[in-house]
Amino acid sequence: MDREDRTAGIRRLARERFARWRARKSQEALNRMRDAENEYHRRRREEESQEERQKRIAFFSEYRERIHQQQSQDIVNQSLYFCESQVDQSSQVNLTHH
């Protein structure tokens, strides 16, 4: 009985050790991919002309503005929905009390 528990414990420790190793290797692979992608984009930015740079900056500026407007509109819509739901709830409460 004691022998089985010891063996099971050794196997469990080996599985845990392997899982930690695999997670570490996965993180290293992700870091390598991220570094390669960053290097690729850095080189592209270095090689682009002034006109291409201005187009890229303008594009991302417009993109950020559109995202900001959409987020602002989403906040307004959520606020309106919340207010409407509060009015509906209070109307229902008033109807049930009368």
Protein backbone atom coordinates (compact mmCIF):
# COMPACT_ATOMS: atom_id res chain seq x y z
CA MET A 1 0.00 0.00 0.00
CA ASP A 2 2.76 2.42 0.97
CA ARG A 3 4.67 1.51 -2.19
CA GLU A 4 1.67 2.40 -4.40
CA ASP A 5 1.22 5.78 -2.72
CA ARG A 6 4.92 6.58 -3.13
CA THR A 7 4.83 5.60 -6.81
CA ALA A 8 1.68 7.64 -7.39
CA GLY A 9 3.33 10.60 -5.68
CA ILE A 10 6.43 10.30 -7.86
CA ARG A 11 4.27 10.15 -10.99
CA ARG A 12 2.26 13.17 -9.86
CA LEU A 13 5.44 15.17 -9.21
CA ALA A 14 6.78 14.17 -12.63
CA ARG A 15 3.53 15.28 -14.31
CA GLU A 16 3.63 18.60 -12.46
CA ARG A 17 7.29 19.12 -13.36
CA PHE A 18 6.54 18.36 -17.02
CA ALA A 19 3.56 20.76 -16.99
CA ARG A 20 5.77 23.55 -15.58
CA TRP A 21 8.44 22.82 -18.20
CA ARG A 22 5.85 22.86 -21.00
CA ALA A 23 4.35 26.15 -19.77
CA ARG A 24 7.82 27.69 -19.59
CA LYS A 25 8.63 26.54 -23.13
CA SER A 26 5.27 27.84 -24.38
CA GLN A 27 5.99 31.25 -22.82
CA GLU A 28 9.45 31.28 -24.39
CA ALA A 29 7.93 30.50 -27.80
CA LEU A 30 5.36 33.29 -27.37
CA ASN A 31 8.14 35.69 -26.40
CA ARG A 32 10.15 34.71 -29.49
CA MET A 33 7.12 35.22 -31.77
CA ARG A 34 6.37 38.60 -30.16
CA ASP A 35 10.00 39.69 -30.54
CA ALA A 36 10.05 38.63 -34.20
CA GLU A 37 6.82 40.52 -34.91
CA ASN A 38 8.11 43.64 -33.17
CA GLU A 39 11.34 43.45 -35.17
CA TYR A 40 9.38 43.06 -38.42
CA HIS A 41 7.27 46.14 -37.69
CA ARG A 42 10.31 48.14 -36.57
CA ARG A 43 12.10 47.38 -39.84
CA ARG A 44 9.02 48.26 -41.89
CA ARG A 45 8.76 51.62 -40.12
CA GLU A 46 12.45 52.29 -40.74
CA GLU A 47 12.09 51.54 -44.46
CA GLU A 48 8.90 53.52 -45.10
CA SER A 49 9.00 56.86 -46.88
CA GLN A 50 7.84 60.12 -45.30
CA GLU A 51 4.61 59.93 -47.32
CA GLU A 52 3.92 56.35 -46.16
CA ARG A 53 4.64 57.38 -42.57
CA GLN A 54 2.19 60.26 -42.78
CA LYS A 55 -0.48 57.98 -44.28
CA ARG A 56 0.07 55.41 -41.51
CA ILE A 57 -0.15 58.05 -38.79
CA ALA A 58 -3.28 59.57 -40.36
CA PHE A 59 -4.92 56.15 -40.68
CA PHE A 60 -4.33 55.24 -37.03
CA SER A 61 -5.39 58.69 -35.89
CA GLU A 62 -8.71 58.33 -37.74
CA TYR A 63 -9.06 54.76 -36.49
CA ARG A 64 -8.56 55.82 -32.86
CA GLU A 65 -11.07 58.65 -33.32
CA ARG A 66 -13.69 56.22 -34.74
CA ILE A 67 -13.11 53.82 -31.86
CA HIS A 68 -13.40 56.66 -29.35
CA GLN A 69 -16.67 57.85 -30.94
CA GLN A 70 -18.06 54.31 -30.92
CA GLN A 71 -17.13 53.81 -27.28
CA SER A 72 -18.70 57.16 -26.38
CA GLN A 73 -21.88 56.20 -28.22
CA ASP A 74 -21.92 52.82 -26.46
CA ILE A 75 -21.70 54.59 -23.09
CA VAL A 76 -24.59 56.89 -24.03
CA ASN A 77 -26.67 53.92 -25.22
CA GLN A 78 -25.97 51.98 -22.03
CA SER A 79 -26.93 55.00 -19.92
CA LEU A 80 -30.17 55.45 -21.86
CA TYR A 81 -31.00 51.76 -21.56
CA PHE A 82 -30.33 51.88 -17.81
CA CYS A 83 -32.51 54.97 -17.37
CA GLU A 84 -35.32 53.45 -19.44
CA SER A 85 -35.16 50.22 -17.46
CA GLN A 86 -35.37 52.20 -14.20
CA VAL A 87 -38.42 54.09 -15.49
CA ASP A 88 -40.03 50.83 -16.61
CA GLN A 89 -39.40 49.24 -13.22
CA SER A 90 -40.81 52.20 -11.31
CA SER A 91 -43.86 52.24 -13.63
CA GLN A 92 -44.46 48.56 -12.97
CA VAL A 93 -44.11 49.09 -9.22
CA ASN A 94 -46.58 52.00 -9.32
CA LEU A 95 -49.06 49.93 -11.33
CA THR A 96 -48.96 47.05 -8.86
CA HIS A 97 -49.48 49.32 -5.85
CA HIS A 98 -52.60 51.02 -7.30
